[in-house]
Protein backbone atom coordinates (compact mmCIF):
# COMPACT_ATOMS: atom_id res chain seq x y z
CA MET A 1 -52.54 -5.51 -43.64
CA ILE A 2 -54.39 -7.52 -46.61
CA ASN A 3 -52.75 -7.62 -50.35
CA ASN A 4 -55.33 -6.44 -52.46
CA TYR A 5 -52.71 -6.76 -55.44
CA LEU A 6 -52.58 -9.41 -57.63
CA ASN A 7 -49.76 -11.94 -58.46
CA PRO A 8 -48.43 -10.11 -61.47
CA PHE A 9 -47.29 -13.25 -63.12
CA GLU A 10 -49.17 -16.42 -64.46
CA GLY A 11 -48.81 -19.72 -62.34
CA ALA A 12 -47.55 -20.05 -58.54
CA PRO A 13 -45.44 -17.25 -57.07
CA LYS A 14 -41.84 -18.02 -57.49
CA PRO A 15 -38.84 -16.14 -56.41
CA LEU A 16 -38.22 -12.29 -58.27
CA GLU A 17 -35.32 -12.64 -60.56
CA ILE A 18 -32.84 -10.21 -59.88
CA SER A 19 -29.87 -9.04 -61.85
CA GLY A 20 -26.82 -8.04 -59.38
CA LEU A 21 -27.73 -6.76 -56.06
CA PHE A 22 -30.55 -4.20 -56.82
CA LEU A 23 -31.86 -4.64 -60.18
CA LEU A 24 -34.79 -6.14 -61.45
CA SER A 25 -33.94 -8.95 -64.27
CA PRO A 26 -34.81 -7.22 -67.61
CA THR A 27 -36.60 -10.69 -68.55
CA VAL A 28 -39.29 -9.62 -65.31
CA LEU A 29 -40.12 -6.52 -67.43
CA MET A 30 -40.89 -8.45 -70.78
CA LYS A 31 -42.71 -11.09 -68.52
CA LEU A 32 -45.02 -8.15 -67.13
CA VAL A 33 -46.15 -7.02 -70.62
CA GLY A 34 -46.12 -10.33 -72.06
CA LEU A 35 -43.72 -10.94 -73.91
CA PRO A 36 -41.35 -13.08 -72.02
CA ALA A 37 -37.66 -14.23 -73.09
CA SER A 38 -38.87 -17.47 -74.63
CA LYS A 39 -41.15 -16.18 -76.81
CA MET A 40 -38.60 -13.65 -78.00
CA PHE A 41 -36.06 -16.46 -78.97
CA ALA A 42 -38.51 -18.16 -80.52
CA GLU A 43 -39.58 -15.81 -82.98
CA MET A 44 -35.96 -15.41 -83.76
CA GLY A 45 -35.99 -19.52 -84.34
CA MET A 46 -33.32 -19.55 -81.51
CA GLU A 47 -35.28 -22.24 -78.99
CA SER A 48 -32.35 -24.34 -78.32
CA GLN A 49 -30.03 -21.29 -77.55
CA PHE A 50 -32.65 -20.22 -75.35
CA LYS A 51 -32.84 -23.40 -73.33
CA ALA A 52 -29.05 -23.74 -73.46
CA LEU A 53 -29.22 -20.09 -71.54
CA GLU A 54 -31.94 -21.59 -69.14
CA HIS A 55 -29.49 -24.79 -68.26
CA ILE A 56 -26.35 -22.23 -67.34
CA LYS A 57 -28.55 -19.86 -65.83
CA ALA A 58 -29.51 -22.96 -63.61
CA GLY A 59 -26.14 -24.16 -63.30
CA ARG A 60 -26.52 -27.52 -65.42
CA ARG A 61 -24.28 -26.31 -68.04
CA LYS A 62 -21.16 -23.98 -68.35
CA PRO A 63 -21.23 -21.20 -70.55
CA SER A 64 -19.33 -21.30 -73.94
CA ILE A 65 -17.60 -19.38 -76.28
CA ASN A 66 -19.71 -20.97 -79.16
CA MET A 67 -22.74 -20.88 -77.47
CA LEU A 68 -22.53 -17.40 -76.61
CA THR A 69 -21.48 -16.38 -80.66
CA SER A 70 -24.38 -18.54 -81.81
CA VAL A 71 -26.77 -16.44 -79.02
CA LEU A 72 -25.43 -12.97 -80.61
CA GLY A 73 -24.54 -14.36 -84.01
CA ASN A 74 -25.90 -11.05 -85.76
CA PHE A 75 -24.54 -8.35 -83.27
CA PRO A 76 -21.55 -6.01 -84.35
CA SER A 77 -18.44 -8.11 -84.51
CA ALA A 78 -16.79 -5.75 -82.09
CA GLU A 79 -19.20 -6.33 -79.28
CA VAL A 80 -19.43 -9.91 -79.91
CA GLU A 81 -15.26 -10.18 -79.14
CA GLU A 82 -15.63 -7.83 -76.27
CA PHE A 83 -18.10 -10.65 -74.64
CA LYS A 84 -16.21 -13.33 -75.73
CA VAL A 85 -12.98 -11.84 -74.41
CA CYS A 86 -14.77 -11.36 -70.86
CA LEU A 87 -16.20 -14.87 -70.74
CA THR A 88 -12.58 -16.20 -71.43
CA GLU A 89 -11.21 -14.65 -68.50
CA ALA A 90 -14.28 -15.67 -66.24
CA SER A 91 -13.88 -19.29 -67.47
CA LEU A 92 -10.02 -18.77 -66.26
CA GLY A 93 -11.13 -18.14 -62.89
CA ASP A 94 -11.40 -14.09 -63.00
CA SER A 95 -14.01 -13.47 -60.57
CA GLY A 96 -13.76 -9.81 -61.56
CA ALA A 97 -14.84 -10.63 -65.26
CA LEU A 98 -17.40 -13.16 -63.95
CA LEU A 99 -18.88 -10.26 -62.06
CA LYS A 100 -18.88 -7.87 -65.11
CA LEU A 101 -20.66 -11.14 -67.16
CA ILE A 102 -23.34 -11.21 -64.53
CA SER A 103 -23.60 -7.67 -63.96
CA SER A 104 -24.20 -7.03 -67.72
CA ALA A 105 -28.27 -8.23 -68.19
CA TRP A 106 -29.15 -4.43 -69.06
CA LYS A 107 -26.79 -3.53 -70.75
CA MET A 108 -27.13 -6.74 -73.21
CA THR A 109 -30.64 -5.98 -73.34
CA ALA A 110 -29.94 -2.31 -74.54
CA THR A 111 -27.61 -3.54 -76.88
CA GLY A 112 -29.73 -6.05 -78.39
CA SER A 113 -32.67 -4.01 -78.33
CA LYS A 114 -30.85 -0.91 -80.37
CA HIS A 115 -29.59 -3.94 -82.80
CA HIS A 116 -33.02 -5.00 -83.68
CA HIS A 117 -35.15 -1.78 -83.46
CA GLY A 118 -32.22 0.63 -84.42
CA VAL A 119 -32.85 2.93 -81.90
CA LEU A 120 -31.66 2.93 -78.36
CA PHE A 121 -34.60 3.32 -76.06
CA TYR A 122 -34.31 5.67 -72.98
CA HIS A 123 -35.50 3.21 -70.26
CA LEU A 124 -32.78 0.87 -71.41
CA ALA A 125 -30.13 3.06 -71.95
CA TYR A 126 -30.73 4.66 -68.15
CA MET A 127 -30.87 0.95 -66.76
CA ALA A 128 -27.61 0.02 -68.60
CA GLU A 129 -25.85 3.52 -66.85
CA VAL A 130 -27.47 2.46 -63.65
CA GLU A 131 -26.12 -0.96 -63.83
CA ALA A 132 -22.62 0.26 -64.68
CA ALA A 133 -22.65 2.69 -61.86
CA PHE A 134 -23.36 0.12 -59.22
CA LEU A 135 -20.46 -2.44 -60.44
CA CYS A 136 -17.41 -1.05 -58.55
CA GLY A 137 -19.62 -1.04 -55.12
CA THR A 138 -21.14 -4.36 -56.14
CA ARG A 139 -17.52 -5.82 -56.58
CA LEU A 140 -16.40 -4.96 -53.01
CA TRP A 141 -19.90 -6.15 -51.75
CA TRP A 142 -19.39 -9.77 -53.01
CA ILE A 143 -15.51 -10.20 -53.75
CA GLY A 144 -14.06 -7.94 -50.89
CA ASP A 145 -16.76 -8.54 -48.45
CA SER A 146 -17.21 -5.05 -47.37
CA ARG A 147 -20.65 -3.82 -47.67
CA LYS A 148 -19.81 -0.39 -45.55
CA GLN A 149 -17.20 0.54 -48.37
CA ALA A 150 -19.40 -0.87 -50.95
CA THR A 151 -22.12 1.36 -49.68
CA ASN A 152 -19.95 4.49 -49.54
CA LEU A 153 -19.44 4.03 -52.96
CA PHE A 154 -22.67 3.59 -54.29
CA LEU A 155 -23.55 6.84 -52.26
CA GLU A 156 -20.47 8.80 -54.04
CA GLU A 157 -22.52 7.97 -57.60
CA PRO A 158 -24.73 11.26 -58.56
CA LEU A 159 -26.85 8.24 -60.21
CA LEU A 160 -27.35 6.05 -57.48
CA ALA A 161 -27.54 8.57 -54.62
CA PRO A 162 -31.44 9.13 -55.02
CA PHE A 163 -32.38 5.60 -54.40
CA PHE A 164 -31.04 5.51 -50.93
CA TRP A 165 -32.50 6.63 -47.85
CA PRO A 166 -30.62 7.26 -44.14
CA GLU A 167 -32.17 4.29 -42.53
CA ILE A 168 -31.31 1.74 -45.18
CA THR A 169 -28.08 3.08 -45.74
CA GLN A 170 -27.36 2.37 -42.31
CA ILE A 171 -28.67 -1.07 -42.67
CA PHE A 172 -26.30 -2.23 -45.44
CA CYS A 173 -23.36 -0.81 -43.45
CA LEU A 174 -24.30 -1.93 -40.10
CA SER A 175 -26.69 -4.97 -40.12
CA GLU A 176 -25.79 -8.50 -39.53
CA SER A 177 -28.85 -9.98 -40.14
CA LYS A 178 -29.39 -11.79 -43.49
CA ASN A 179 -33.16 -11.47 -43.32
CA GLU A 180 -32.77 -7.66 -42.59
CA LEU A 181 -30.40 -7.40 -45.59
CA ASP A 182 -32.59 -9.36 -47.99
CA PHE A 183 -35.85 -6.91 -46.77
CA ALA A 184 -33.61 -4.03 -47.42
CA ARG A 185 -32.05 -5.07 -50.76
CA LEU A 186 -36.01 -5.50 -51.85
CA ALA A 187 -36.80 -2.37 -50.74
CA LEU A 188 -34.14 -0.48 -52.71
CA ILE A 189 -34.94 -3.11 -55.55
CA LEU A 190 -38.81 -1.43 -55.52
CA GLU A 191 -37.28 2.05 -55.37
CA ILE A 192 -35.16 1.34 -58.80
CA ALA A 193 -38.31 -0.27 -60.23
CA LEU A 194 -40.32 2.72 -59.29
CA SER A 195 -37.63 5.19 -61.26
CA LEU A 196 -37.67 2.59 -64.38
CA PHE A 197 -41.30 2.96 -64.74
CA ALA A 198 -41.40 6.59 -64.57
CA ALA A 199 -38.41 6.48 -67.18
CA ILE A 200 -40.93 4.34 -69.28
CA GLU A 201 -43.79 6.72 -68.96
CA VAL A 202 -41.69 9.66 -69.92
CA GLN A 203 -40.25 7.83 -73.11
CA SER A 204 -43.58 6.83 -74.45
CA GLY A 205 -45.61 10.02 -74.32
CA LYS A 206 -48.37 8.35 -74.89
CA ALA A 207 -51.08 10.19 -73.03
CA LYS A 208 -52.48 13.84 -72.68
CA SER A 209 -51.37 14.44 -69.31
CA ASN A 210 -48.73 13.73 -67.38
CA MET A 211 -47.67 11.02 -65.05
CA ILE A 212 -51.04 9.10 -65.63
CA PHE A 213 -49.83 6.10 -63.75
CA LEU A 214 -50.40 7.70 -60.99
CA LYS A 215 -54.13 7.24 -61.74
CA LEU A 216 -53.69 3.80 -61.22
CA VAL A 217 -52.81 4.05 -57.61
CA PRO A 218 -56.02 3.52 -55.34
CA ASN A 219 -57.11 6.46 -53.54
CA ASN A 220 -60.27 5.44 -52.02
CA THR A 221 -62.06 1.92 -50.73
CA GLU A 222 -63.94 1.37 -54.01
CA GLN A 223 -60.89 0.57 -56.04
CA LYS A 224 -58.90 -2.02 -54.42
CA ASN A 225 -55.89 -2.16 -56.87
CA PRO A 226 -54.48 -0.73 -59.76
CA VAL A 227 -56.91 -3.24 -61.89
CA GLY A 228 -59.86 -1.58 -60.48
CA CYS A 229 -58.38 1.85 -61.24
CA PHE A 230 -57.95 0.88 -64.82
CA ILE A 231 -61.60 -0.27 -65.15
CA PHE A 232 -62.69 2.75 -63.30
CA TRP A 233 -60.75 4.78 -65.79
CA LEU A 234 -62.07 3.15 -68.78
CA LYS A 235 -65.53 3.67 -67.85
CA GLU A 236 -64.83 7.36 -67.73
CA ARG A 237 -63.04 7.17 -71.24
CA LEU A 238 -66.02 5.59 -72.46
CA ASP A 239 -68.72 7.49 -70.67
CA VAL A 240 -70.46 5.02 -69.16
CA ASN A 241 -71.60 4.40 -65.69
CA THR A 242 -72.55 1.23 -64.70
CA LEU A 243 -70.84 -2.15 -65.43
CA SER A 244 -73.97 -3.07 -67.89
CA GLU A 245 -73.34 0.00 -70.14
CA LEU A 246 -69.60 -1.01 -70.09
CA LEU A 247 -70.42 -4.55 -71.14
CA ASN A 248 -72.67 -3.29 -73.94
CA HIS A 249 -70.50 -0.72 -75.32
CA LYS A 250 -69.49 -0.92 -78.79
CA ALA A 251 -65.86 -0.94 -77.97
CA LEU A 252 -66.25 -4.19 -75.84
CA GLN A 253 -68.80 -5.75 -78.41
CA ALA A 254 -66.27 -7.84 -80.15
CA LEU A 255 -64.96 -9.47 -77.20
CA GLU A 256 -68.49 -11.20 -76.29
CA LEU A 257 -67.72 -11.13 -72.70
CA ASP A 258 -70.16 -12.58 -70.03
CA GLU A 259 -71.18 -9.91 -67.07
CA SER A 260 -68.70 -11.99 -64.53
CA THR A 261 -66.00 -11.47 -66.41
CA VAL A 262 -66.60 -7.49 -66.27
CA LYS A 263 -67.35 -7.79 -62.49
CA ARG A 264 -64.16 -9.45 -62.01
CA TRP A 265 -62.44 -6.87 -63.54
CA ASN A 266 -64.14 -4.06 -61.75
CA SER A 267 -63.69 -5.52 -58.48
CA GLY A 268 -59.77 -6.06 -59.11
CA ALA A 269 -60.19 -10.05 -59.14
CA VAL A 270 -58.81 -10.72 -62.07
CA ILE A 271 -56.23 -8.92 -64.71
CA PRO A 272 -57.86 -8.34 -68.23
CA ARG A 273 -55.98 -10.20 -70.75
CA GLN A 274 -53.92 -8.39 -73.55
CA ASP A 275 -55.89 -9.62 -76.64
CA ALA A 276 -59.03 -8.42 -74.97
CA ILE A 277 -57.27 -5.02 -74.65
CA TRP A 278 -55.74 -4.72 -78.01
CA GLU A 279 -59.51 -5.61 -79.13
CA ILE A 280 -60.82 -2.68 -77.38
CA LYS A 281 -58.22 -0.45 -78.53
CA LYS A 282 -59.32 -0.99 -82.34
CA TYR A 283 -62.58 1.25 -81.29
CA TRP A 284 -60.38 4.15 -81.43
CA ARG A 285 -58.65 2.61 -84.56
CA SER A 286 -55.37 4.86 -83.73
CA GLY A 287 -54.61 8.51 -82.19
CA THR A 288 -54.93 9.72 -78.64
CA GLY A 289 -57.73 7.25 -77.20
CA ALA A 290 -55.84 4.15 -78.18
CA ASP A 291 -52.43 5.59 -77.16
CA GLU A 292 -53.83 6.39 -73.62
CA LEU A 293 -55.47 3.16 -73.43
CA GLU A 294 -52.16 1.27 -74.08
CA ALA A 295 -50.11 3.34 -71.71
CA MET A 296 -52.73 2.91 -68.81
CA TYR A 297 -53.29 -0.84 -69.25
CA VAL A 298 -49.15 -1.22 -68.99
CA GLY A 299 -49.29 1.27 -65.98
CA MET A 300 -51.65 -0.79 -64.55
CA LEU A 301 -49.67 -3.99 -65.02
CA TYR A 302 -46.50 -1.78 -63.44
CA MET A 303 -48.67 -0.56 -60.56
CA ASN A 304 -49.74 -3.97 -59.53
CA PHE A 305 -46.49 -5.52 -60.03
CA LEU A 306 -45.16 -2.53 -57.39
CA GLY A 307 -48.04 -3.02 -55.11
CA TYR A 308 -47.99 -7.02 -54.78
CA TYR A 309 -44.11 -6.86 -53.70
CA TRP A 310 -44.48 -3.90 -51.57
CA HIS A 311 -47.29 -5.59 -49.56
CA LYS A 312 -44.88 -8.90 -49.76
CA LEU A 313 -42.23 -7.16 -48.24
CA ARG A 314 -44.52 -5.23 -45.48
CA SER A 315 -45.95 -8.91 -44.47
CA CYS A 316 -42.26 -9.63 -43.73
CA THR A 317 -41.38 -6.76 -41.35
CA GLU A 318 -42.71 -4.44 -38.89
CA GLU A 319 -39.75 -1.97 -39.28
CA GLN A 320 -40.72 1.15 -41.23
CA SER A 321 -37.45 2.09 -42.39
CA LEU A 322 -37.14 -1.49 -44.24
CA LEU A 323 -40.02 -0.29 -46.70
CA PRO A 324 -39.30 2.02 -49.68
CA TYR A 325 -38.13 5.55 -48.45
CA GLY A 326 -39.77 4.61 -45.01
CA TYR A 327 -43.25 5.52 -46.12
CA SER A 328 -45.66 3.32 -44.20
CA SER A 329 -48.07 2.70 -47.10
CA PHE A 330 -47.92 1.86 -50.64
CA GLU A 331 -49.77 4.67 -52.02
CA SER A 332 -48.13 7.56 -50.14
CA TRP A 333 -44.55 5.83 -51.44
CA VAL A 334 -45.52 6.17 -54.72
CA GLY A 335 -47.65 9.17 -54.55
CA GLN A 336 -44.42 11.28 -53.18
CA ARG A 337 -41.71 9.08 -55.14
CA TYR A 338 -43.12 8.72 -58.42
CA PRO A 339 -43.53 12.63 -59.07
CA PHE A 340 -39.52 12.47 -58.11
CA TRP A 341 -38.49 10.48 -60.59
CA TYR A 342 -40.86 11.41 -63.15
CA SER A 343 -39.60 14.86 -62.97
CA PHE A 344 -35.81 13.53 -62.70
CA HIS A 345 -36.27 11.55 -66.02
CA LYS A 346 -38.27 14.37 -67.68
CA THR A 347 -35.60 16.61 -67.51
CA ARG A 348 -32.58 13.95 -68.40
CA TYR A 349 -34.92 12.99 -71.42
CA ASP A 350 -35.51 16.57 -72.54
CA ALA A 351 -31.93 17.19 -72.41
CA GLY A 352 -30.77 14.04 -73.72
CA GLN A 353 -28.38 13.07 -71.21
CA VAL A 354 -28.27 9.24 -71.93
CA GLU A 355 -25.62 8.09 -74.03
CA SER A 356 -25.44 4.83 -76.10
CA PRO A 357 -23.69 2.41 -73.43
CA SER A 358 -21.10 0.17 -74.18
CA VAL A 359 -21.59 -3.60 -73.95
CA LEU A 360 -20.13 -4.19 -70.88
CA PRO A 361 -19.38 -1.89 -67.68
CA SER A 362 -15.91 -0.88 -67.55
């Protein structure tokens, strides 16, 4: 099966950054939308702290309370103290405290975002909840070396149970194959990522219609990937029929693009640069058109990411049970599971069912 989806990150493909057992690292989300952690730290004047964190992550340096305090210097003191206690216990050999630290990436992100923006974003609060719900089972998986018990704990959590399907549960409980377990973990990571992206669309509410991210999933042979779908949508939105008309449209004139660039966009061969999209956004100035363009562009990045890694997984295994929810194609998986997750999050979001998370899981 040909993978028409593009490497979502610049440079050579690298291993996907994972937090805990089954969650994407928050840094993946930031990189996808053009805000790598290095840039964020640089804007805060904290390049040295970022480099220190990178050394710690690579195992070249041990974490210290002083370094942690400098990174979290502007956080409320009670939250900093909670991290300090956990770090101290971990440094003394407490494996549970260490696991709590490394399983709190989304809570740290949610807390930092709330502190910076003054509001707790729904998708971050949701991921922090999911992260906390996984903690007890993860402790059994890694420390207790009991995958069956861990999986049963996951299934007992109402927030986690919808991520699992029968075949993947069986594999987690019984398989002794490292490759099979790795493939199963990636399948679950993708299912949770799909839920995360649905949460983001629900939260943003920037488009006139619901589930606009589904428009970025190819449903015919003309559109090979979400990039092609995005350009197809853009032509419709600007009321043009040909690439020549698109190239010469007022919305794109300031970009001074050549025809070959627009052709590569249209064929799905290259992802349009973010600065180009923001220039096109000026055509609408503000309002529905600008909001919808932004939402569609971000959705294109998310769906391309999912498609790229779904096809990577598919290239590694012939077992359909190891694909997310056992669907044989990326399009059928997203087509069935995205509406489920969109409805799930719409209900929770409208009801205000997400509480502000504590800094660390209990």
